Structures are given as structure tokens and as C-alpha cells.
């Protein structure tokens, strides 16, 4: 199971930014376990998205690495999170 790695701890402490829920993607091979993690994240106010099988965890790792790069190397600091726009 891979989840909650696409942002800093601040996002878990305060899950909304400017009125929008922060995105968290979840990957894992056990559909029931993914469902549980998705529900837990939704309960604390995150925008939870099922990313499918655990093989997709490598994609989530890249998003986590991008967050770290933007926060610390590009100087954005920790006060941001990713979001998903839907039509």
C-alpha cells in the first residue's frame, strides 16, 4: 500500500488550502485495503483518489519527489499541496 506521500505533514494537519481539499493518491493490490485508506483520508478532509494497483506506487513516489523538490529546492516551502481539477 502506498498513500499519504505526496505532500508534507502540514497537509495532514490541515487538509484544505484556499477552500480546496489536498489531493492524496492511493495505490495497492488489495482493493478492500485501498477502500479503507480512501475512506480514512476522506474522513479527515483529503481529496482521495484510487490510483489502482501497487505497481503504480512508483508514480506516486515521483509525485512525492516533485513535492520535495518544489518545497525545498525551488523555495515554495511546505505550505502547498497538489490538487486534481475535475470537469
PDB file of N, CA and C in Angstrom:
ATOM      1  N   UNK A   1       0.858  -1.174   0.000  1.00  0.00           N
ATOM      2  CA  UNK A   1       0.000   0.000   0.000  1.00  0.00           C
ATOM      3  C   UNK A   1       0.898   1.228   0.000  1.00  0.00           C
ATOM      4  N   UNK A   2       0.541   2.201  -0.831  1.00  0.00           N
ATOM      5  CA  UNK A   2       1.249   3.481  -0.877  1.00  0.00           C
ATOM      6  C   UNK A   2       0.202   4.584  -0.828  1.00  0.00           C
ATOM      7  N   UNK A   3       0.368   5.473   0.139  1.00  0.00           N
ATOM      8  CA  UNK A   3      -0.537   6.610   0.281  1.00  0.00           C
ATOM      9  C   UNK A   3       0.116   7.665   1.162  1.00  0.00           C
ATOM     10  N   UNK A   4      -0.406   8.860   1.122  1.00  0.00           N
ATOM     11  CA  UNK A   4      -0.002   9.956   2.003  1.00  0.00           C
ATOM     12  C   UNK A   4       1.451  10.384   1.832  1.00  0.00           C
ATOM     13  N   UNK A   5       2.049  10.159   0.663  1.00  0.00           N
ATOM     14  CA  UNK A   5       3.442  10.555   0.473  1.00  0.00           C
ATOM     15  C   UNK A   5       3.593  11.713  -0.515  1.00  0.00           C
ATOM     16  N   UNK A   6       2.497  12.318  -0.950  1.00  0.00           N
ATOM     17  CA  UNK A   6       2.593  13.349  -1.966  1.00  0.00           C
ATOM     18  C   UNK A   6       2.540  14.762  -1.392  1.00  0.00           C
ATOM     19  N   UNK A   7       2.891  14.896  -0.149  1.00  0.00           N
ATOM     20  CA  UNK A   7       2.908  16.211   0.488  1.00  0.00           C
ATOM     21  C   UNK A   7       3.525  16.117   1.862  1.00  0.00           C
ATOM     22  N   UNK A   8       3.622  17.246   2.504  1.00  0.00           N
ATOM     23  CA  UNK A   8       4.222  17.298   3.834  1.00  0.00           C
ATOM     24  C   UNK A   8       3.217  17.019   4.942  1.00  0.00           C
ATOM     25  N   UNK A   9       3.726  16.929   6.138  1.00  0.00           N
ATOM     26  CA  UNK A   9       2.869  16.647   7.288  1.00  0.00           C
ATOM     27  C   UNK A   9       1.847  17.762   7.492  1.00  0.00           C
ATOM     28  N   UNK A  10       2.177  18.954   7.039  1.00  0.00           N
ATOM     29  CA  UNK A  10       1.253  20.078   7.193  1.00  0.00           C
ATOM     30  C   UNK A  10      -0.076  19.808   6.494  1.00  0.00           C
ATOM     31  N   UNK A  11      -0.022  19.072   5.400  1.00  0.00           N
ATOM     32  CA  UNK A  11      -1.236  18.742   4.663  1.00  0.00           C
ATOM     33  C   UNK A  11      -2.126  17.816   5.472  1.00  0.00           C
ATOM     34  N   UNK A  12      -1.531  16.921   6.226  1.00  0.00           N
ATOM     35  CA  UNK A  12      -2.327  16.030   7.072  1.00  0.00           C
ATOM     36  C   UNK A  12      -2.895  16.770   8.278  1.00  0.00           C
ATOM     37  N   UNK A  13      -2.177  17.792   8.732  1.00  0.00           N
ATOM     38  CA  UNK A  13      -2.651  18.586   9.859  1.00  0.00           C
ATOM     39  C   UNK A  13      -3.816  19.487   9.450  1.00  0.00           C
ATOM     40  N   UNK A  14      -3.710  20.103   8.271  1.00  0.00           N
ATOM     41  CA  UNK A  14      -4.751  20.986   7.749  1.00  0.00           C
ATOM     42  C   UNK A  14      -4.958  20.613   6.290  1.00  0.00           C
ATOM     43  N   UNK A  15      -6.012  19.875   6.006  1.00  0.00           N
ATOM     44  CA  UNK A  15      -6.190  19.225   4.707  1.00  0.00           C
ATOM     45  C   UNK A  15      -6.735  20.120   3.609  1.00  0.00           C
ATOM     46  N   UNK A  16      -7.117  21.345   3.941  1.00  0.00           N
ATOM     47  CA  UNK A  16      -7.652  22.233   2.911  1.00  0.00           C
ATOM     48  C   UNK A  16      -6.741  23.439   2.723  1.00  0.00           C
ATOM     49  N   UNK A  17      -6.649  23.867   1.494  1.00  0.00           N
ATOM     50  CA  UNK A  17      -5.890  25.052   1.136  1.00  0.00           C
ATOM     51  C   UNK A  17      -6.797  25.919   0.275  1.00  0.00           C
ATOM     52  N   UNK A  18      -7.041  27.122   0.727  1.00  0.00           N
ATOM     53  CA  UNK A  18      -7.903  28.040  -0.017  1.00  0.00           C
ATOM     54  C   UNK A  18      -9.264  27.430  -0.321  1.00  0.00           C
ATOM     55  N   UNK A  19      -9.760  26.624   0.606  1.00  0.00           N
ATOM     56  CA  UNK A  19     -11.067  26.006   0.444  1.00  0.00           C
ATOM     57  C   UNK A  19     -11.094  24.739  -0.389  1.00  0.00           C
ATOM     58  N   UNK A  20      -9.934  24.288  -0.841  1.00  0.00           N
ATOM     59  CA  UNK A  20      -9.845  23.079  -1.660  1.00  0.00           C
ATOM     60  C   UNK A  20      -9.134  21.977  -0.885  1.00  0.00           C
ATOM     61  N   UNK A  21      -9.664  20.766  -0.977  1.00  0.00           N
ATOM     62  CA  UNK A  21      -9.048  19.624  -0.299  1.00  0.00           C
ATOM     63  C   UNK A  21      -7.775  19.216  -1.029  1.00  0.00           C
ATOM     64  N   UNK A  22      -6.735  18.932  -0.273  1.00  0.00           N
ATOM     65  CA  UNK A  22      -5.467  18.464  -0.836  1.00  0.00           C
ATOM     66  C   UNK A  22      -5.639  17.056  -1.400  1.00  0.00           C
ATOM     67  N   UNK A  23      -4.964  16.802  -2.496  1.00  0.00           N
ATOM     68  CA  UNK A  23      -5.019  15.504  -3.169  1.00  0.00           C
ATOM     69  C   UNK A  23      -4.105  14.490  -2.507  1.00  0.00           C
ATOM     70  N   UNK A  24      -4.609  13.283  -2.327  1.00  0.00           N
ATOM     71  CA  UNK A  24      -3.789  12.145  -1.930  1.00  0.00           C
ATOM     72  C   UNK A  24      -4.188  10.957  -2.783  1.00  0.00           C
ATOM     73  N   UNK A  25      -3.202  10.371  -3.433  1.00  0.00           N
ATOM     74  CA  UNK A  25      -3.406   9.195  -4.274  1.00  0.00           C
ATOM     75  C   UNK A  25      -3.052   7.943  -3.487  1.00  0.00           C
ATOM     76  N   UNK A  26      -3.756   6.853  -3.773  1.00  0.00           N
ATOM     77  CA  UNK A  26      -3.563   5.586  -3.060  1.00  0.00           C
ATOM     78  C   UNK A  26      -3.371   4.472  -4.079  1.00  0.00           C
ATOM     79  N   UNK A  27      -2.324   3.675  -3.876  1.00  0.00           N
ATOM     80  CA  UNK A  27      -2.072   2.515  -4.733  1.00  0.00           C
ATOM     81  C   UNK A  27      -1.862   1.286  -3.860  1.00  0.00           C
ATOM     82  N   UNK A  28      -2.406   0.165  -4.294  1.00  0.00           N
ATOM     83  CA  UNK A  28      -2.226  -1.082  -3.558  1.00  0.00           C
ATOM     84  C   UNK A  28      -2.936  -2.222  -4.262  1.00  0.00           C
ATOM     85  N   UNK A  29      -2.490  -3.429  -4.002  1.00  0.00           N
ATOM     86  CA  UNK A  29      -3.068  -4.592  -4.669  1.00  0.00           C
ATOM     87  C   UNK A  29      -4.329  -5.125  -3.994  1.00  0.00           C
ATOM     88  N   UNK A  30      -4.565  -4.735  -2.761  1.00  0.00           N
ATOM     89  CA  UNK A  30      -5.748  -5.192  -2.029  1.00  0.00           C
ATOM     90  C   UNK A  30      -6.838  -4.133  -2.122  1.00  0.00           C
ATOM     91  N   UNK A  31      -7.853  -4.392  -2.925  1.00  0.00           N
ATOM     92  CA  UNK A  31      -8.914  -3.407  -3.161  1.00  0.00           C
ATOM     93  C   UNK A  31      -9.636  -3.019  -1.870  1.00  0.00           C
ATOM     94  N   UNK A  32      -9.850  -3.980  -0.980  1.00  0.00           N
ATOM     95  CA  UNK A  32     -10.520  -3.665   0.283  1.00  0.00           C
ATOM     96  C   UNK A  32      -9.666  -2.730   1.136  1.00  0.00           C
ATOM     97  N   UNK A  33      -8.369  -2.998   1.195  1.00  0.00           N
ATOM     98  CA  UNK A  33      -7.461  -2.143   1.963  1.00  0.00           C
ATOM     99  C   UNK A  33      -7.397  -0.745   1.354  1.00  0.00           C
ATOM    100  N   UNK A  34      -7.356  -0.657   0.021  1.00  0.00           N
ATOM    101  CA  UNK A  34      -7.374   0.653  -0.638  1.00  0.00           C
ATOM    102  C   UNK A  34      -8.639   1.410  -0.263  1.00  0.00           C
ATOM    103  N   UNK A  35      -9.760   0.715  -0.263  1.00  0.00           N
ATOM    104  CA  UNK A  35     -11.024   1.343   0.110  1.00  0.00           C
ATOM    105  C   UNK A  35     -10.995   1.891   1.524  1.00  0.00           C
ATOM    106  N   UNK A  36     -10.399   1.145   2.434  1.00  0.00           N
ATOM    107  CA  UNK A  36     -10.287   1.603   3.820  1.00  0.00           C
ATOM    108  C   UNK A  36      -9.435   2.862   3.906  1.00  0.00           C
ATOM    109  N   UNK A  37      -8.298   2.864   3.227  1.00  0.00           N
ATOM    110  CA  UNK A  37      -7.412   4.033   3.241  1.00  0.00           C
ATOM    111  C   UNK A  37      -8.106   5.232   2.590  1.00  0.00           C
ATOM    112  N   UNK A  38      -8.812   5.004   1.499  1.00  0.00           N
ATOM    113  CA  UNK A  38      -9.548   6.085   0.839  1.00  0.00           C
ATOM    114  C   UNK A  38     -10.577   6.696   1.787  1.00  0.00           C
ATOM    115  N   UNK A  39     -11.313   5.859   2.490  1.00  0.00           N
ATOM    116  CA  UNK A  39     -12.328   6.359   3.434  1.00  0.00           C
ATOM    117  C   UNK A  39     -11.683   7.127   4.592  1.00  0.00           C
ATOM    118  N   UNK A  40     -10.577   6.608   5.126  1.00  0.00           N
ATOM    119  CA  UNK A  40      -9.899   7.297   6.232  1.00  0.00           C
ATOM    120  C   UNK A  40      -9.437   8.689   5.803  1.00  0.00           C
ATOM    121  N   UNK A  41      -8.857   8.768   4.621  1.00  0.00           N
ATOM    122  CA  UNK A  41      -8.414  10.068   4.119  1.00  0.00           C
ATOM    123  C   UNK A  41      -9.565  11.032   3.902  1.00  0.00           C
ATOM    124  N   UNK A  42     -10.660  10.518   3.361  1.00  0.00           N
ATOM    125  CA  UNK A  42     -11.843  11.364   3.155  1.00  0.00           C
ATOM    126  C   UNK A  42     -12.386  11.866   4.483  1.00  0.00           C
ATOM    127  N   UNK A  43     -12.337  11.039   5.509  1.00  0.00           N
ATOM    128  CA  UNK A  43     -12.850  11.428   6.826  1.00  0.00           C
ATOM    129  C   UNK A  43     -12.082  12.596   7.423  1.00  0.00           C
ATOM    130  N   UNK A  44     -10.798  12.723   7.087  1.00  0.00           N
ATOM    131  CA  UNK A  44     -10.022  13.856   7.608  1.00  0.00           C
ATOM    132  C   UNK A  44     -10.012  15.027   6.636  1.00  0.00           C
ATOM    133  N   UNK A  45     -10.729  14.898   5.502  1.00  0.00           N
ATOM    134  CA  UNK A  45     -10.901  16.020   4.596  1.00  0.00           C
ATOM    135  C   UNK A  45     -10.034  16.049   3.362  1.00  0.00           C
ATOM    136  N   UNK A  46      -9.312  14.985   3.082  1.00  0.00           N
ATOM    137  CA  UNK A  46      -8.476  14.933   1.886  1.00  0.00           C
ATOM    138  C   UNK A  46      -9.287  14.546   0.658  1.00  0.00           C
ATOM    139  N   UNK A  47      -8.827  14.970  -0.508  1.00  0.00           N
ATOM    140  CA  UNK A  47      -9.399  14.530  -1.778  1.00  0.00           C
ATOM    141  C   UNK A  47      -8.666  13.245  -2.155  1.00  0.00           C
ATOM    142  N   UNK A  48      -9.271  12.122  -1.875  1.00  0.00           N
ATOM    143  CA  UNK A  48      -8.636  10.820  -2.075  1.00  0.00           C
ATOM    144  C   UNK A  48      -8.966  10.269  -3.461  1.00  0.00           C
ATOM    145  N   UNK A  49      -7.932   9.765  -4.144  1.00  0.00           N
ATOM    146  CA  UNK A  49      -8.103   9.196  -5.476  1.00  0.00           C
ATOM    147  C   UNK A  49      -7.429   7.838  -5.519  1.00  0.00           C
ATOM    148  N   UNK A  50      -8.151   6.852  -6.007  1.00  0.00           N
ATOM    149  CA  UNK A  50      -7.645   5.493  -6.149  1.00  0.00           C
ATOM    150  C   UNK A  50      -6.760   5.428  -7.391  1.00  0.00           C
ATOM    151  N   UNK A  51      -5.462   5.159  -7.191  1.00  0.00           N
ATOM    152  CA  UNK A  51      -4.505   5.078  -8.293  1.00  0.00           C
ATOM    153  C   UNK A  51      -4.321   3.647  -8.790  1.00  0.00           C
ATOM    154  N   UNK A  52      -5.084   2.712  -8.235  1.00  0.00           N
ATOM    155  CA  UNK A  52      -5.042   1.339  -8.728  1.00  0.00           C
ATOM    156  C   UNK A  52      -3.996   0.474  -8.053  1.00  0.00           C
ATOM    157  N   UNK A  53      -3.457  -0.447  -8.818  1.00  0.00           N
ATOM    158  CA  UNK A  53      -2.565  -1.491  -8.309  1.00  0.00           C
ATOM    159  C   UNK A  53      -1.254  -0.922  -7.750  1.00  0.00           C
ATOM    160  N   UNK A  54      -0.602  -1.722  -6.933  1.00  0.00           N
ATOM    161  CA  UNK A  54       0.637  -1.309  -6.283  1.00  0.00           C
ATOM    162  C   UNK A  54       1.741  -0.974  -7.283  1.00  0.00           C
ATOM    163  N   UNK A  55       1.694  -1.535  -8.469  1.00  0.00           N
ATOM    164  CA  UNK A  55       2.691  -1.204  -9.491  1.00  0.00           C
ATOM    165  C   UNK A  55       2.705   0.303  -9.760  1.00  0.00           C
ATOM    166  N   UNK A  56       1.610   0.982  -9.509  1.00  0.00           N
ATOM    167  CA  UNK A  56       1.521   2.423  -9.716  1.00  0.00           C
ATOM    168  C   UNK A  56       2.156   3.232  -8.587  1.00  0.00           C
ATOM    169  N   UNK A  57       2.587   2.565  -7.536  1.00  0.00           N
ATOM    170  CA  UNK A  57       3.239   3.269  -6.427  1.00  0.00           C
ATOM    171  C   UNK A  57       4.472   4.025  -6.905  1.00  0.00           C
ATOM    172  N   UNK A  58       5.146   3.517  -7.922  1.00  0.00           N
ATOM    173  CA  UNK A  58       6.333   4.215  -8.441  1.00  0.00           C
ATOM    174  C   UNK A  58       5.957   5.588  -8.983  1.00  0.00           C
ATOM    175  N   UNK A  59       4.746   5.720  -9.512  1.00  0.00           N
ATOM    176  CA  UNK A  59       4.286   7.017  -9.994  1.00  0.00           C
ATOM    177  C   UNK A  59       4.018   7.972  -8.834  1.00  0.00           C
ATOM    178  N   UNK A  60       3.482   7.436  -7.750  1.00  0.00           N
ATOM    179  CA  UNK A  60       3.245   8.241  -6.562  1.00  0.00           C
ATOM    180  C   UNK A  60       4.561   8.704  -5.947  1.00  0.00           C
ATOM    181  N   UNK A  61       5.581   7.849  -5.996  1.00  0.00           N
ATOM    182  CA  UNK A  61       6.908   8.213  -5.494  1.00  0.00           C
ATOM    183  C   UNK A  61       7.446   9.421  -6.256  1.00  0.00           C
ATOM    184  N   UNK A  62       7.219   9.442  -7.569  1.00  0.00           N
ATOM    185  CA  UNK A  62       7.682  10.572  -8.383  1.00  0.00           C
ATOM    186  C   UNK A  62       6.984  11.860  -7.977  1.00  0.00           C
ATOM    187  N   UNK A  63       5.700  11.778  -7.687  1.00  0.00           N
ATOM    188  CA  UNK A  63       4.961  12.961  -7.251  1.00  0.00           C
ATOM    189  C   UNK A  63       5.460  13.433  -5.888  1.00  0.00           C
ATOM    190  N   UNK A  64       5.768  12.490  -5.010  1.00  0.00           N
ATOM    191  CA  UNK A  64       6.347  12.847  -3.715  1.00  0.00           C
ATOM    192  C   UNK A  64       7.699  13.526  -3.874  1.00  0.00           C
ATOM    193  N   UNK A  65       8.526  13.007  -4.773  1.00  0.00           N
ATOM    194  CA  UNK A  65       9.838  13.605  -5.032  1.00  0.00           C
ATOM    195  C   UNK A  65       9.689  15.004  -5.620  1.00  0.00           C
ATOM    196  N   UNK A  66       8.696  15.199  -6.487  1.00  0.00           N
ATOM    197  CA  UNK A  66       8.446  16.526  -7.046  1.00  0.00           C
ATOM    198  C   UNK A  66       8.037  17.498  -5.946  1.00  0.00           C
ATOM    199  N   UNK A  67       7.186  17.052  -5.024  1.00  0.00           N
ATOM    200  CA  UNK A  67       6.766  17.920  -3.922  1.00  0.00           C
ATOM    201  C   UNK A  67       7.991  18.355  -3.112  1.00  0.00           C
ATOM    202  N   UNK A  68       8.865  17.412  -2.793  1.00  0.00           N
ATOM    203  CA  UNK A  68      10.079  17.733  -2.031  1.00  0.00           C
ATOM    204  C   UNK A  68      10.946  18.729  -2.793  1.00  0.00           C
ATOM    205  N   UNK A  69      11.116  18.496  -4.077  1.00  0.00           N
ATOM    206  CA  UNK A  69      11.920  19.403  -4.902  1.00  0.00           C
ATOM    207  C   UNK A  69      11.343  20.820  -4.890  1.00  0.00           C
ATOM    208  N   UNK A  70      10.035  20.922  -5.118  1.00  0.00           N
ATOM    209  CA  UNK A  70       9.406  22.239  -5.138  1.00  0.00           C
ATOM    210  C   UNK A  70       9.482  22.925  -3.774  1.00  0.00           C
ATOM    211  N   UNK A  71       9.270  22.161  -2.725  1.00  0.00           N
ATOM    212  CA  UNK A  71       9.256  22.734  -1.381  1.00  0.00           C
ATOM    213  C   UNK A  71      10.628  23.225  -0.942  1.00  0.00           C
ATOM    214  N   UNK A  72      11.650  22.435  -1.186  1.00  0.00           N
ATOM    215  CA  UNK A  72      12.959  22.726  -0.607  1.00  0.00           C
ATOM    216  C   UNK A  72      13.979  23.278  -1.606  1.00  0.00           C
ATOM    217  N   UNK A  73      13.955  22.811  -2.818  1.00  0.00           N
ATOM    218  CA  UNK A  73      14.943  23.278  -3.802  1.00  0.00           C
ATOM    219  C   UNK A  73      14.452  24.510  -4.564  1.00  0.00           C
ATOM    220  N   UNK A  74      13.165  24.581  -4.820  1.00  0.00           N
ATOM    221  CA  UNK A  74      12.602  25.707  -5.563  1.00  0.00           C
ATOM    222  C   UNK A  74      12.057  26.789  -4.632  1.00  0.00           C
ATOM    223  N   UNK A  75      12.083  26.526  -3.339  1.00  0.00           N
ATOM    224  CA  UNK A  75      11.727  27.549  -2.375  1.00  0.00           C
ATOM    225  C   UNK A  75      10.241  27.801  -2.152  1.00  0.00           C
ATOM    226  N   UNK A  76       9.379  26.865  -2.544  1.00  0.00           N
ATOM    227  CA  UNK A  76       7.947  27.059  -2.294  1.00  0.00           C
ATOM    228  C   UNK A  76       7.578  26.872  -0.831  1.00  0.00           C
ATOM    229  N   UNK A  77       8.449  26.257  -0.062  1.00  0.00           N
ATOM    230  CA  UNK A  77       8.127  25.970   1.328  1.00  0.00           C
ATOM    231  C   UNK A  77       7.124  24.833   1.427  1.00  0.00           C
ATOM    232  N   UNK A  78       6.670  24.564   2.626  1.00  0.00           N
ATOM    233  CA  UNK A  78       5.800  23.411   2.856  1.00  0.00           C
ATOM    234  C   UNK A  78       4.317  23.731   2.777  1.00  0.00           C
ATOM    235  N   UNK A  79       3.972  24.957   2.532  1.00  0.00           N
ATOM    236  CA  UNK A  79       2.562  25.372   2.577  1.00  0.00           C
ATOM    237  C   UNK A  79       1.799  25.180   1.289  1.00  0.00           C
ATOM    238  N   UNK A  80       2.022  24.087   0.588  1.00  0.00           N
ATOM    239  CA  UNK A  80       1.259  23.813  -0.624  1.00  0.00           C
ATOM    240  C   UNK A  80       0.975  22.322  -0.731  1.00  0.00           C
ATOM    241  N   UNK A  81       0.009  22.001  -1.559  1.00  0.00           N
ATOM    242  CA  UNK A  81      -0.343  20.608  -1.823  1.00  0.00           C
ATOM    243  C   UNK A  81      -0.799  20.495  -3.264  1.00  0.00           C
ATOM    244  N   UNK A  82      -0.788  19.301  -3.775  1.00  0.00           N
ATOM    245  CA  UNK A  82      -1.305  19.048  -5.127  1.00  0.00           C
ATOM    246  C   UNK A  82      -2.819  18.927  -5.074  1.00  0.00           C
ATOM    247  N   UNK A  83      -3.447  19.226  -6.188  1.00  0.00           N
ATOM    248  CA  UNK A  83      -4.887  19.099  -6.315  1.00  0.00           C
ATOM    249  C   UNK A  83      -5.226  18.475  -7.659  1.00  0.00           C
ATOM    250  N   UNK A  84      -6.466  18.051  -7.774  1.00  0.00           N
ATOM    251  CA  UNK A  84      -6.951  17.463  -9.009  1.00  0.00           C
ATOM    252  C   UNK A  84      -8.200  18.212  -9.434  1.00  0.00           C
ATOM    253  N   UNK A  85      -8.151  18.797 -10.623  1.00  0.00           N
ATOM    254  CA  UNK A  85      -9.311  19.510 -11.152  1.00  0.00           C
ATOM    255  C   UNK A  85     -10.170  18.520 -11.926  1.00  0.00           C
ATOM    256  N   UNK A  86     -11.471  18.563 -11.700  1.00  0.00           N
ATOM    257  CA  UNK A  86     -12.391  17.656 -12.385  1.00  0.00           C
ATOM    258  C   UNK A  86     -13.432  18.470 -13.146  1.00  0.00           C
ATOM    259  N   UNK A  87     -13.830  17.979 -14.283  1.00  0.00           N
ATOM    260  CA  UNK A  87     -14.878  18.619 -15.068  1.00  0.00           C
ATOM    261  C   UNK A  87     -16.120  17.791 -14.967  1.00  0.00           C
TER     262      UNK A  87
END
